[in-house]
Amino acid sequence: MVDRDRNDDETARIDAERRRRRAQFLRELNEAKELRDRVQPRRARSARMRQAMRMRTFRW
């Protein structure tokens, strides 16, 4: 019983650490995308246009 509680605590700690690292990664990824959009506005505009076209042609 004590081992299972310790294992649950360890699993919860590992999960929390994984979620924290994932959140940090996603923040940095978003920051990198914003920076790329700022330094390459033409490419960013064409990417937005392609995404808009994809959304218009998507079938529900």
Protein backbone atom coordinates (compact mmCIF):
# COMPACT_ATOMS: atom_id res chain seq x y z
CA MET A 1 0.00 0.00 0.00
CA VAL A 2 2.78 2.44 0.91
CA ASP A 3 4.67 1.54 -2.29
CA ARG A 4 1.63 2.27 -4.43
CA ASP A 5 1.14 5.67 -2.74
CA ARG A 6 4.80 6.48 -3.32
CA ASN A 7 4.48 5.36 -6.93
CA ASP A 8 1.37 7.53 -7.41
CA ASP A 9 3.22 10.52 -5.96
CA GLU A 10 6.16 9.87 -8.26
CA THR A 11 3.86 9.53 -11.28
CA ALA A 12 2.06 12.77 -10.38
CA ARG A 13 5.40 14.57 -10.02
CA ILE A 14 6.65 13.25 -13.35
CA ASP A 15 3.38 14.20 -15.07
CA ALA A 16 3.53 17.72 -13.62
CA GLU A 17 7.14 18.09 -14.80
CA ARG A 18 6.20 16.84 -18.29
CA ARG A 19 3.29 19.30 -18.50
CA ARG A 20 5.56 22.14 -17.35
CA ARG A 21 8.18 21.29 -20.00
CA ARG A 22 5.50 20.97 -22.69
CA ALA A 23 3.99 24.35 -21.78
CA GLN A 24 7.45 25.95 -21.93
CA PHE A 25 8.10 24.34 -25.33
CA LEU A 26 4.77 25.59 -26.72
CA ARG A 27 5.45 29.12 -25.45
CA GLU A 28 8.87 29.14 -27.13
CA LEU A 29 7.43 27.69 -30.34
CA ASN A 30 4.78 30.42 -30.46
CA GLU A 31 7.42 33.07 -29.80
CA ALA A 32 9.56 31.69 -32.63
CA LYS A 33 6.62 31.75 -35.04
CA GLU A 34 5.85 35.37 -34.14
CA LEU A 35 9.48 36.34 -34.65
CA ARG A 36 9.56 34.59 -38.03
CA ASP A 37 6.38 36.42 -39.05
CA ARG A 38 7.97 39.74 -38.09
CA VAL A 39 11.19 39.20 -40.01
CA GLN A 40 9.58 37.60 -43.08
CA PRO A 41 6.27 39.42 -43.59
CA ARG A 42 5.77 38.31 -47.19
CA ARG A 43 6.21 34.64 -46.34
CA ALA A 44 3.95 35.06 -43.31
CA ARG A 45 1.24 36.67 -45.46
CA SER A 46 1.36 33.88 -48.02
CA ALA A 47 1.20 31.30 -45.21
CA ARG A 48 -1.91 33.04 -43.83
CA MET A 49 -3.46 33.04 -47.31
CA ARG A 50 -2.76 29.32 -47.75
CA GLN A 51 -4.28 28.60 -44.33
CA ALA A 52 -7.36 30.66 -45.23
CA MET A 53 -7.72 28.75 -48.50
CA ARG A 54 -7.45 25.45 -46.62
CA MET A 55 -10.16 26.55 -44.22
CA ARG A 56 -12.45 27.66 -47.07
CA THR A 57 -12.13 24.35 -48.90
CA PHE A 58 -12.47 22.17 -45.78
CA ARG A 59 -15.62 20.07 -45.73
CA TRP A 60 -17.41 19.42 -42.46
